[in-house]
Amino acid sequence: MMNRNRCTGSVALVCMLMLLLLSGCKSSRLATGMAESGYLSSKVHLTLPQKEGSITVSGNMRLKSGERMQLSFLMPILRSEVVRLEVTPEELLLVDRMGKRYVRATRKELKGVLPKKATFARLEKLLYAATTPDGKRALTAQELGLSSLKRGKIELSDFSDKPFTMTPTQLSKKYEEVSPEELLEMLAHLLN
């Protein structure tokens, strides 16, 4: 059974990822050079506070304009994928590689969780705006409205607009689908 601290950390992680990836962008500027190619990739660093300090997880973000964004977090040293978040205009997929579980939910199913203006188009604007010379590449948890995670932040770096191949995530029968309600428990497991 989950204890209160693990649940609180899970809620914070879910909120931080959702708000970052699906929140409205305050800037309408696009990095025109990057946006023209239709491809965007970057490195990602997610820092989450823990009881004794904090943990930082690194990964990669890949975006194909209008189609799909994949965010992959990697295990330190071994560099194998631990978590994958995939967002399309209509769906969200969260994969726990270690626990062989996943959550697949439509925007309609997440209606009560996501902000009203959370769209894939706004996600693209947020990511492209970060590529501009004065773009915001680091967002703190407080800036995302999560004041309980004082040291939490997500940073984007090393942007590229080089074309790449990206296919929808395919999961073998070894993976168990869990309901969207189990999302918090799943993330609590990943944090510990």
N, C-alpha and C. Protein backbone atom coordinates (compact mmCIF):
# COMPACT_ATOMS: atom_id res chain seq x y z
N MET A 1 0.83 -1.18 0.00
CA MET A 1 0.00 0.00 0.00
C MET A 1 0.88 1.24 0.00
N MET A 2 0.43 2.28 -0.71
CA MET A 2 1.19 3.50 -0.84
C MET A 2 1.10 4.37 0.41
N ASN A 3 2.21 4.95 0.82
CA ASN A 3 2.11 5.87 1.94
C ASN A 3 1.84 7.28 1.42
N ARG A 4 1.51 8.20 2.33
CA ARG A 4 1.10 9.55 1.94
C ARG A 4 2.19 10.30 1.18
N ASN A 5 3.46 10.20 1.57
CA ASN A 5 4.55 10.90 0.91
C ASN A 5 4.74 10.43 -0.52
N ARG A 6 4.64 9.13 -0.72
CA ARG A 6 4.79 8.60 -2.08
C ARG A 6 3.66 9.10 -2.96
N CYS A 7 2.45 9.14 -2.42
CA CYS A 7 1.29 9.59 -3.18
C CYS A 7 1.43 11.08 -3.52
N THR A 8 1.87 11.89 -2.55
CA THR A 8 2.07 13.32 -2.78
C THR A 8 3.11 13.54 -3.86
N GLY A 9 4.22 12.81 -3.82
CA GLY A 9 5.25 12.93 -4.85
C GLY A 9 4.71 12.53 -6.21
N SER A 10 3.88 11.52 -6.26
CA SER A 10 3.30 11.06 -7.51
C SER A 10 2.39 12.10 -8.11
N VAL A 11 1.54 12.66 -7.27
CA VAL A 11 0.63 13.70 -7.74
C VAL A 11 1.44 14.86 -8.31
N ALA A 12 2.49 15.24 -7.60
CA ALA A 12 3.32 16.35 -8.05
C ALA A 12 3.99 16.04 -9.38
N LEU A 13 4.50 14.83 -9.54
CA LEU A 13 5.15 14.46 -10.80
C LEU A 13 4.16 14.48 -11.94
N VAL A 14 2.99 13.90 -11.74
CA VAL A 14 1.96 13.90 -12.79
C VAL A 14 1.60 15.32 -13.16
N CYS A 15 1.35 16.15 -12.15
CA CYS A 15 0.97 17.53 -12.40
C CYS A 15 2.06 18.29 -13.15
N MET A 16 3.31 18.09 -12.72
CA MET A 16 4.41 18.80 -13.36
C MET A 16 4.55 18.41 -14.82
N LEU A 17 4.52 17.12 -15.11
CA LEU A 17 4.62 16.67 -16.50
C LEU A 17 3.45 17.14 -17.34
N MET A 18 2.24 16.99 -16.82
CA MET A 18 1.06 17.39 -17.56
C MET A 18 1.06 18.89 -17.82
N LEU A 19 1.33 19.68 -16.78
CA LEU A 19 1.32 21.12 -16.95
C LEU A 19 2.40 21.57 -17.92
N LEU A 20 3.56 20.97 -17.84
CA LEU A 20 4.63 21.35 -18.75
C LEU A 20 4.28 20.97 -20.18
N LEU A 21 3.88 19.72 -20.35
CA LEU A 21 3.69 19.21 -21.70
C LEU A 21 2.39 19.61 -22.36
N LEU A 22 1.40 19.94 -21.57
CA LEU A 22 0.11 20.24 -22.17
C LEU A 22 -0.45 21.59 -21.78
N SER A 23 0.35 22.43 -21.14
CA SER A 23 -0.15 23.72 -20.70
C SER A 23 -0.11 24.74 -21.82
N GLY A 24 -0.81 25.81 -21.59
CA GLY A 24 -0.83 26.89 -22.57
C GLY A 24 0.49 27.61 -22.60
N CYS A 25 0.86 28.05 -23.76
CA CYS A 25 2.10 28.79 -23.93
C CYS A 25 1.80 30.27 -23.83
N LYS A 26 2.59 31.02 -23.07
CA LYS A 26 2.35 32.44 -22.90
C LYS A 26 2.90 33.24 -24.08
N SER A 27 3.74 32.65 -24.89
CA SER A 27 4.34 33.34 -26.02
C SER A 27 3.78 32.78 -27.32
N SER A 28 3.46 33.67 -28.24
CA SER A 28 2.94 33.20 -29.52
C SER A 28 4.06 33.14 -30.56
N ARG A 29 5.27 33.51 -30.18
CA ARG A 29 6.39 33.46 -31.11
C ARG A 29 6.83 32.03 -31.34
N LEU A 30 7.19 31.75 -32.56
CA LEU A 30 7.78 30.46 -32.88
C LEU A 30 9.19 30.70 -33.39
N ALA A 31 10.05 29.77 -33.13
CA ALA A 31 11.39 29.84 -33.70
C ALA A 31 11.23 29.39 -35.15
N THR A 32 11.13 30.36 -36.06
CA THR A 32 10.75 30.05 -37.44
C THR A 32 11.68 29.06 -38.10
N GLY A 33 12.97 29.13 -37.85
CA GLY A 33 13.89 28.18 -38.45
C GLY A 33 13.61 26.76 -38.00
N MET A 34 13.41 26.59 -36.73
CA MET A 34 13.11 25.26 -36.18
C MET A 34 11.73 24.78 -36.63
N ALA A 35 10.75 25.67 -36.60
CA ALA A 35 9.38 25.29 -36.94
C ALA A 35 9.23 24.88 -38.40
N GLU A 36 10.03 25.45 -39.28
CA GLU A 36 9.91 25.15 -40.70
C GLU A 36 10.23 23.71 -41.03
N SER A 37 11.14 23.10 -40.32
CA SER A 37 11.51 21.72 -40.64
C SER A 37 10.43 20.73 -40.22
N GLY A 38 9.62 21.09 -39.23
CA GLY A 38 8.59 20.19 -38.73
C GLY A 38 9.12 19.18 -37.71
N TYR A 39 10.41 19.25 -37.40
CA TYR A 39 11.04 18.34 -36.44
C TYR A 39 11.72 19.15 -35.36
N LEU A 40 11.67 18.64 -34.14
CA LEU A 40 12.36 19.27 -33.04
C LEU A 40 12.77 18.19 -32.05
N SER A 41 14.00 18.24 -31.61
CA SER A 41 14.47 17.31 -30.58
C SER A 41 15.32 18.09 -29.58
N SER A 42 15.40 17.55 -28.37
CA SER A 42 16.22 18.19 -27.35
C SER A 42 16.52 17.19 -26.24
N LYS A 43 17.45 17.57 -25.39
CA LYS A 43 17.72 16.83 -24.17
C LYS A 43 16.80 17.40 -23.09
N VAL A 44 16.45 16.58 -22.12
CA VAL A 44 15.55 16.99 -21.05
C VAL A 44 16.15 16.54 -19.72
N HIS A 45 16.04 17.41 -18.72
CA HIS A 45 16.46 17.08 -17.36
C HIS A 45 15.29 17.43 -16.43
N LEU A 46 14.80 16.44 -15.71
CA LEU A 46 13.71 16.62 -14.76
C LEU A 46 14.27 16.45 -13.36
N THR A 47 14.13 17.49 -12.53
CA THR A 47 14.61 17.44 -11.15
C THR A 47 13.41 17.41 -10.22
N LEU A 48 13.39 16.40 -9.36
CA LEU A 48 12.29 16.24 -8.40
C LEU A 48 12.85 16.22 -6.99
N PRO A 49 12.23 17.00 -6.08
CA PRO A 49 12.70 16.99 -4.69
C PRO A 49 12.37 15.67 -4.01
N GLN A 50 13.25 15.25 -3.14
CA GLN A 50 13.06 14.06 -2.32
C GLN A 50 13.24 14.48 -0.86
N LYS A 51 13.00 13.58 0.05
CA LYS A 51 13.16 13.89 1.48
C LYS A 51 14.56 14.41 1.76
N GLU A 52 15.56 13.77 1.19
CA GLU A 52 16.95 14.13 1.43
C GLU A 52 17.60 14.59 0.14
N GLY A 53 17.31 15.81 -0.29
CA GLY A 53 17.90 16.33 -1.53
C GLY A 53 16.93 16.27 -2.69
N SER A 54 17.44 15.84 -3.84
CA SER A 54 16.60 15.74 -5.03
C SER A 54 17.20 14.71 -5.97
N ILE A 55 16.39 14.28 -6.93
CA ILE A 55 16.88 13.38 -7.97
C ILE A 55 16.69 14.07 -9.31
N THR A 56 17.61 13.82 -10.22
CA THR A 56 17.51 14.35 -11.57
C THR A 56 17.51 13.19 -12.54
N VAL A 57 16.55 13.22 -13.42
CA VAL A 57 16.43 12.19 -14.44
C VAL A 57 16.62 12.87 -15.79
N SER A 58 17.47 12.29 -16.62
CA SER A 58 17.73 12.85 -17.94
C SER A 58 16.97 12.07 -19.00
N GLY A 59 16.81 12.70 -20.12
CA GLY A 59 16.12 12.01 -21.21
C GLY A 59 16.17 12.81 -22.49
N ASN A 60 15.28 12.44 -23.39
CA ASN A 60 15.20 13.06 -24.70
C ASN A 60 13.77 13.39 -25.04
N MET A 61 13.60 14.47 -25.80
CA MET A 61 12.29 14.85 -26.29
C MET A 61 12.39 14.90 -27.82
N ARG A 62 11.39 14.33 -28.48
CA ARG A 62 11.31 14.41 -29.94
C ARG A 62 9.89 14.81 -30.32
N LEU A 63 9.79 15.78 -31.24
CA LEU A 63 8.50 16.28 -31.67
C LEU A 63 8.44 16.27 -33.19
N LYS A 64 7.39 15.70 -33.72
CA LYS A 64 7.08 15.81 -35.14
C LYS A 64 5.83 16.66 -35.21
N SER A 65 5.98 17.85 -35.76
CA SER A 65 4.93 18.86 -35.75
C SER A 65 3.58 18.33 -36.22
N GLY A 66 2.57 18.59 -35.42
CA GLY A 66 1.21 18.21 -35.76
C GLY A 66 0.87 16.75 -35.56
N GLU A 67 1.85 15.92 -35.21
CA GLU A 67 1.62 14.47 -35.12
C GLU A 67 1.85 13.87 -33.74
N ARG A 68 3.06 14.04 -33.21
CA ARG A 68 3.43 13.27 -32.04
C ARG A 68 4.63 13.89 -31.34
N MET A 69 4.63 13.79 -30.00
CA MET A 69 5.76 14.17 -29.18
C MET A 69 6.08 12.98 -28.28
N GLN A 70 7.35 12.61 -28.23
CA GLN A 70 7.79 11.53 -27.35
C GLN A 70 8.81 12.09 -26.38
N LEU A 71 8.60 11.78 -25.11
CA LEU A 71 9.51 12.17 -24.05
C LEU A 71 9.97 10.89 -23.38
N SER A 72 11.27 10.67 -23.38
CA SER A 72 11.83 9.43 -22.88
C SER A 72 12.81 9.73 -21.77
N PHE A 73 12.58 9.14 -20.58
CA PHE A 73 13.50 9.29 -19.46
C PHE A 73 14.34 8.04 -19.34
N LEU A 74 15.65 8.24 -19.12
CA LEU A 74 16.61 7.14 -19.15
C LEU A 74 17.21 6.87 -17.78
N MET A 75 17.53 5.60 -17.54
CA MET A 75 18.19 5.19 -16.30
C MET A 75 19.63 5.71 -16.32
N PRO A 76 20.07 6.32 -15.23
CA PRO A 76 21.46 6.80 -15.19
C PRO A 76 22.45 5.66 -15.43
N ILE A 77 23.56 5.97 -16.01
CA ILE A 77 24.68 5.08 -16.32
C ILE A 77 24.32 4.09 -17.43
N LEU A 78 23.30 3.26 -17.22
CA LEU A 78 22.93 2.26 -18.23
C LEU A 78 22.26 2.87 -19.45
N ARG A 79 21.64 4.03 -19.26
CA ARG A 79 20.98 4.77 -20.34
C ARG A 79 19.87 3.98 -21.03
N SER A 80 19.23 3.08 -20.32
CA SER A 80 18.08 2.38 -20.89
C SER A 80 16.81 3.12 -20.48
N GLU A 81 15.81 3.06 -21.32
CA GLU A 81 14.58 3.80 -21.08
C GLU A 81 13.84 3.24 -19.87
N VAL A 82 13.41 4.14 -18.99
CA VAL A 82 12.66 3.77 -17.81
C VAL A 82 11.19 4.15 -17.98
N VAL A 83 10.97 5.36 -18.51
CA VAL A 83 9.62 5.87 -18.71
C VAL A 83 9.54 6.53 -20.07
N ARG A 84 8.41 6.33 -20.74
CA ARG A 84 8.14 7.04 -21.99
C ARG A 84 6.77 7.69 -21.88
N LEU A 85 6.72 8.94 -22.28
CA LEU A 85 5.47 9.67 -22.38
C LEU A 85 5.30 10.05 -23.84
N GLU A 86 4.17 9.67 -24.42
CA GLU A 86 3.91 9.98 -25.82
C GLU A 86 2.59 10.75 -25.89
N VAL A 87 2.62 11.88 -26.57
CA VAL A 87 1.45 12.74 -26.68
C VAL A 87 1.15 12.96 -28.15
N THR A 88 -0.11 12.75 -28.53
CA THR A 88 -0.60 13.07 -29.87
C THR A 88 -1.72 14.09 -29.70
N PRO A 89 -2.24 14.65 -30.78
CA PRO A 89 -3.34 15.60 -30.62
C PRO A 89 -4.55 15.00 -29.89
N GLU A 90 -4.72 13.70 -29.90
CA GLU A 90 -5.91 13.09 -29.30
C GLU A 90 -5.65 12.16 -28.11
N GLU A 91 -4.39 11.80 -27.85
CA GLU A 91 -4.14 10.73 -26.89
C GLU A 91 -2.85 10.95 -26.13
N LEU A 92 -2.80 10.35 -24.94
CA LEU A 92 -1.59 10.34 -24.13
C LEU A 92 -1.28 8.90 -23.76
N LEU A 93 0.00 8.53 -23.87
CA LEU A 93 0.46 7.19 -23.50
C LEU A 93 1.62 7.35 -22.53
N LEU A 94 1.53 6.69 -21.38
CA LEU A 94 2.61 6.69 -20.40
C LEU A 94 3.02 5.25 -20.18
N VAL A 95 4.30 4.96 -20.42
CA VAL A 95 4.81 3.59 -20.34
C VAL A 95 5.85 3.48 -19.23
N ASP A 96 5.63 2.53 -18.33
CA ASP A 96 6.58 2.18 -17.27
C ASP A 96 7.35 0.96 -17.78
N ARG A 97 8.55 1.16 -18.30
CA ARG A 97 9.34 0.07 -18.87
C ARG A 97 9.78 -0.93 -17.81
N MET A 98 10.08 -0.46 -16.62
CA MET A 98 10.56 -1.35 -15.56
C MET A 98 9.44 -2.28 -15.06
N GLY A 99 8.25 -1.71 -14.88
CA GLY A 99 7.13 -2.49 -14.36
C GLY A 99 6.27 -3.13 -15.44
N LYS A 100 6.64 -2.90 -16.71
CA LYS A 100 5.91 -3.47 -17.85
C LYS A 100 4.42 -3.12 -17.78
N ARG A 101 4.13 -1.83 -17.49
CA ARG A 101 2.75 -1.35 -17.43
C ARG A 101 2.63 -0.09 -18.26
N TYR A 102 1.39 0.22 -18.64
CA TYR A 102 1.16 1.45 -19.38
C TYR A 102 -0.25 1.97 -19.15
N VAL A 103 -0.40 3.28 -19.38
CA VAL A 103 -1.69 3.94 -19.35
C VAL A 103 -1.88 4.61 -20.69
N ARG A 104 -3.02 4.36 -21.30
CA ARG A 104 -3.38 5.03 -22.56
C ARG A 104 -4.71 5.73 -22.30
N ALA A 105 -4.74 7.04 -22.53
CA ALA A 105 -5.94 7.80 -22.26
C ALA A 105 -6.16 8.85 -23.35
N THR A 106 -7.40 9.06 -23.71
CA THR A 106 -7.73 10.09 -24.69
C THR A 106 -7.85 11.43 -23.98
N ARG A 107 -7.85 12.49 -24.74
CA ARG A 107 -8.04 13.82 -24.16
C ARG A 107 -9.38 13.88 -23.43
N LYS A 108 -10.39 13.22 -23.99
CA LYS A 108 -11.72 13.22 -23.37
C LYS A 108 -11.67 12.56 -21.99
N GLU A 109 -10.94 11.46 -21.87
CA GLU A 109 -10.81 10.77 -20.58
C GLU A 109 -10.04 11.59 -19.56
N LEU A 110 -9.16 12.46 -20.03
CA LEU A 110 -8.35 13.29 -19.14
C LEU A 110 -8.94 14.69 -18.94
N LYS A 111 -10.16 14.88 -19.39
CA LYS A 111 -10.79 16.20 -19.36
C LYS A 111 -10.72 16.86 -17.99
N GLY A 112 -10.98 16.13 -16.93
CA GLY A 112 -10.96 16.69 -15.59
C GLY A 112 -9.57 16.92 -15.03
N VAL A 113 -8.55 16.33 -15.66
CA VAL A 113 -7.17 16.44 -15.17
C VAL A 113 -6.42 17.57 -15.85
N LEU A 114 -6.64 17.74 -17.15
CA LEU A 114 -5.90 18.73 -17.93
C LEU A 114 -6.56 20.10 -17.90
N PRO A 115 -5.76 21.15 -18.02
CA PRO A 115 -6.35 22.49 -18.14
C PRO A 115 -7.22 22.56 -19.40
N LYS A 116 -8.23 23.43 -19.38
CA LYS A 116 -9.18 23.53 -20.50
C LYS A 116 -8.50 23.82 -21.83
N LYS A 117 -7.47 24.64 -21.81
CA LYS A 117 -6.80 25.04 -23.05
C LYS A 117 -5.61 24.15 -23.39
N ALA A 118 -5.51 23.00 -22.78
CA ALA A 118 -4.39 22.09 -23.03
C ALA A 118 -4.61 21.41 -24.38
N THR A 119 -3.78 21.78 -25.34
CA THR A 119 -3.87 21.19 -26.67
C THR A 119 -2.48 20.83 -27.16
N PHE A 120 -2.44 19.98 -28.16
CA PHE A 120 -1.17 19.61 -28.77
C PHE A 120 -0.52 20.84 -29.42
N ALA A 121 -1.33 21.69 -30.03
CA ALA A 121 -0.81 22.91 -30.68
C ALA A 121 -0.11 23.81 -29.66
N ARG A 122 -0.66 23.92 -28.46
CA ARG A 122 -0.01 24.74 -27.42
C ARG A 122 1.29 24.10 -26.95
N LEU A 123 1.31 22.77 -26.88
CA LEU A 123 2.54 22.07 -26.53
C LEU A 123 3.63 22.40 -27.54
N GLU A 124 3.30 22.35 -28.82
CA GLU A 124 4.27 22.70 -29.87
C GLU A 124 4.78 24.12 -29.69
N LYS A 125 3.88 25.05 -29.46
CA LYS A 125 4.28 26.45 -29.29
C LYS A 125 5.24 26.61 -28.12
N LEU A 126 4.94 25.93 -27.02
CA LEU A 126 5.81 25.99 -25.84
C LEU A 126 7.21 25.47 -26.16
N LEU A 127 7.28 24.34 -26.85
CA LEU A 127 8.58 23.75 -27.18
C LEU A 127 9.35 24.60 -28.18
N TYR A 128 8.68 25.09 -29.22
CA TYR A 128 9.37 25.93 -30.19
C TYR A 128 9.79 27.27 -29.59
N ALA A 129 8.97 27.83 -28.70
CA ALA A 129 9.34 29.09 -28.05
C ALA A 129 10.61 28.93 -27.22
N ALA A 130 10.84 27.75 -26.67
CA ALA A 130 12.04 27.51 -25.87
C ALA A 130 13.31 27.55 -26.72
N THR A 131 13.17 27.37 -28.03
CA THR A 131 14.35 27.36 -28.92
C THR A 131 14.83 28.74 -29.31
N THR A 132 14.03 29.78 -29.04
CA THR A 132 14.43 31.13 -29.41
C THR A 132 15.56 31.61 -28.50
N PRO A 133 16.35 32.58 -28.96
CA PRO A 133 17.47 33.06 -28.13
C PRO A 133 17.05 33.51 -26.74
N ASP A 134 15.88 34.12 -26.61
CA ASP A 134 15.42 34.55 -25.29
C ASP A 134 14.32 33.64 -24.75
N GLY A 135 14.22 32.45 -25.30
CA GLY A 135 13.19 31.49 -24.89
C GLY A 135 13.44 30.90 -23.51
N LYS A 136 12.38 30.52 -22.85
CA LYS A 136 12.47 29.94 -21.51
C LYS A 136 12.72 28.45 -21.64
N ARG A 137 13.92 28.03 -21.24
CA ARG A 137 14.33 26.62 -21.37
C ARG A 137 14.21 25.84 -20.07
N ALA A 138 13.98 26.53 -18.97
CA ALA A 138 13.82 25.87 -17.68
C ALA A 138 12.56 26.41 -17.01
N LEU A 139 11.73 25.49 -16.56
CA LEU A 139 10.52 25.86 -15.85
C LEU A 139 10.55 25.21 -14.48
N THR A 140 10.32 26.00 -13.46
CA THR A 140 10.29 25.45 -12.11
C THR A 140 8.88 24.96 -11.80
N ALA A 141 8.80 24.13 -10.80
CA ALA A 141 7.50 23.63 -10.36
C ALA A 141 6.63 24.79 -9.89
N GLN A 142 7.22 25.77 -9.24
CA GLN A 142 6.45 26.92 -8.78
C GLN A 142 5.86 27.69 -9.95
N GLU A 143 6.62 27.84 -11.04
CA GLU A 143 6.10 28.52 -12.23
C GLU A 143 4.94 27.75 -12.87
N LEU A 144 4.92 26.45 -12.63
CA LEU A 144 3.85 25.62 -13.16
C LEU A 144 2.69 25.48 -12.17
N GLY A 145 2.77 26.23 -11.05
CA GLY A 145 1.69 26.21 -10.08
C GLY A 145 1.80 25.10 -9.05
N LEU A 146 2.97 24.49 -8.91
CA LEU A 146 3.18 23.40 -7.95
C LEU A 146 4.11 23.88 -6.84
N SER A 147 3.60 24.76 -5.98
CA SER A 147 4.45 25.37 -4.96
C SER A 147 4.98 24.35 -3.95
N SER A 148 4.35 23.18 -3.86
CA SER A 148 4.84 22.16 -2.91
C SER A 148 6.15 21.54 -3.37
N LEU A 149 6.50 21.67 -4.63
CA LEU A 149 7.76 21.12 -5.15
C LEU A 149 8.75 22.26 -5.37
N LYS A 150 9.19 22.88 -4.29
CA LYS A 150 10.00 24.08 -4.39
C LYS A 150 11.25 23.92 -5.26
N ARG A 151 11.89 22.77 -5.23
CA ARG A 151 13.11 22.59 -6.01
C ARG A 151 12.88 21.83 -7.32
N GLY A 152 11.65 21.51 -7.62
CA GLY A 152 11.35 20.78 -8.84
C GLY A 152 11.47 21.66 -10.08
N LYS A 153 12.03 21.11 -11.15
CA LYS A 153 12.12 21.87 -12.40
C LYS A 153 12.35 20.92 -13.57
N ILE A 154 12.06 21.42 -14.75
CA ILE A 154 12.33 20.69 -15.97
C ILE A 154 13.08 21.63 -16.91
N GLU A 155 14.15 21.10 -17.52
CA GLU A 155 15.01 21.90 -18.39
C GLU A 155 15.15 21.25 -19.75
N LEU A 156 15.12 22.07 -20.79
CA LEU A 156 15.33 21.61 -22.16
C LEU A 156 16.63 22.21 -22.67
N SER A 157 17.41 21.43 -23.42
CA SER A 157 18.68 21.92 -23.95
C SER A 157 19.05 21.18 -25.23
N ASP A 158 20.08 21.66 -25.91
CA ASP A 158 20.63 21.02 -27.12
C ASP A 158 19.55 20.75 -28.16
N PHE A 159 18.89 21.80 -28.60
CA PHE A 159 17.82 21.68 -29.60
C PHE A 159 18.38 21.36 -30.98
N SER A 160 17.61 20.61 -31.74
CA SER A 160 17.96 20.29 -33.12
C SER A 160 16.68 20.22 -33.95
N ASP A 161 16.79 20.62 -35.21
CA ASP A 161 15.64 20.49 -36.12
C ASP A 161 15.94 19.51 -37.25
N LYS A 162 16.93 18.65 -37.05
CA LYS A 162 17.27 17.65 -38.05
C LYS A 162 16.16 16.60 -38.12
N PRO A 163 15.75 16.19 -39.32
CA PRO A 163 14.71 15.16 -39.46
C PRO A 163 15.13 13.84 -38.82
N PHE A 164 14.15 13.13 -38.31
CA PHE A 164 14.37 11.82 -37.70
C PHE A 164 13.14 10.96 -37.99
N THR A 165 13.29 9.68 -37.77
CA THR A 165 12.17 8.76 -37.92
C THR A 165 11.56 8.52 -36.55
N MET A 166 10.25 8.69 -36.47
CA MET A 166 9.57 8.45 -35.20
C MET A 166 8.28 7.69 -35.50
N THR A 167 8.16 6.54 -34.88
CA THR A 167 6.96 5.73 -35.07
C THR A 167 6.18 5.67 -33.76
N PRO A 168 4.88 5.43 -33.84
CA PRO A 168 4.11 5.29 -32.60
C PRO A 168 4.69 4.16 -31.75
N THR A 169 4.62 4.34 -30.46
CA THR A 169 5.13 3.33 -29.53
C THR A 169 4.29 2.07 -29.62
N GLN A 170 4.95 0.96 -29.87
CA GLN A 170 4.29 -0.35 -29.92
C GLN A 170 4.70 -1.11 -28.67
N LEU A 171 3.71 -1.70 -28.02
CA LEU A 171 3.98 -2.45 -26.80
C LEU A 171 3.65 -3.92 -27.01
N SER A 172 4.53 -4.79 -26.52
CA SER A 172 4.30 -6.22 -26.64
C SER A 172 3.23 -6.66 -25.64
N LYS A 173 2.83 -7.90 -25.73
CA LYS A 173 1.82 -8.45 -24.83
C LYS A 173 2.34 -8.60 -23.40
N LYS A 174 3.64 -8.39 -23.21
CA LYS A 174 4.23 -8.45 -21.87
C LYS A 174 3.77 -7.26 -21.01
N TYR A 175 3.33 -6.19 -21.68
CA TYR A 175 2.90 -4.99 -20.97
C TYR A 175 1.45 -5.10 -20.57
N GLU A 176 1.16 -4.65 -19.33
CA GLU A 176 -0.21 -4.68 -18.81
C GLU A 176 -0.79 -3.27 -18.86
N GLU A 177 -1.96 -3.14 -19.45
CA GLU A 177 -2.63 -1.84 -19.46
C GLU A 177 -3.31 -1.62 -18.12
N VAL A 178 -3.09 -0.44 -17.56
CA VAL A 178 -3.75 -0.08 -16.31
C VAL A 178 -4.66 1.11 -16.59
N SER A 179 -5.65 1.29 -15.75
CA SER A 179 -6.63 2.36 -15.97
C SER A 179 -6.00 3.72 -15.67
N PRO A 180 -6.57 4.78 -16.22
CA PRO A 180 -6.06 6.12 -15.90
C PRO A 180 -6.07 6.41 -14.41
N GLU A 181 -6.99 5.81 -13.67
CA GLU A 181 -7.04 6.01 -12.22
C GLU A 181 -5.81 5.44 -11.53
N GLU A 182 -5.17 4.45 -12.14
CA GLU A 182 -3.98 3.85 -11.54
C GLU A 182 -2.70 4.62 -11.87
N LEU A 183 -2.85 5.71 -12.61
CA LEU A 183 -1.71 6.51 -13.02
C LEU A 183 -0.88 6.99 -11.83
N LEU A 184 -1.51 7.48 -10.80
CA LEU A 184 -0.77 7.98 -9.64
C LEU A 184 -0.01 6.88 -8.93
N GLU A 185 -0.63 5.72 -8.78
CA GLU A 185 0.06 4.60 -8.14
C GLU A 185 1.25 4.16 -8.98
N MET A 186 1.08 4.15 -10.30
CA MET A 186 2.15 3.76 -11.21
C MET A 186 3.34 4.70 -11.06
N LEU A 187 3.08 5.99 -11.01
CA LEU A 187 4.17 6.95 -10.89
C LEU A 187 4.83 6.90 -9.51
N ALA A 188 4.06 6.61 -8.49
CA ALA A 188 4.63 6.46 -7.15
C ALA A 188 5.62 5.31 -7.16
N HIS A 189 5.28 4.24 -7.84
CA HIS A 189 6.17 3.08 -7.95
C HIS A 189 7.46 3.47 -8.67
N LEU A 190 7.34 4.28 -9.71
CA LEU A 190 8.53 4.69 -10.47
C LEU A 190 9.46 5.59 -9.66
N LEU A 191 8.90 6.35 -8.75
CA LEU A 191 9.73 7.27 -7.95
C LEU A 191 10.50 6.54 -6.87
N ASN A 192 10.04 5.38 -6.47
CA ASN A 192 10.70 4.68 -5.36
C ASN A 192 11.32 3.39 -5.79
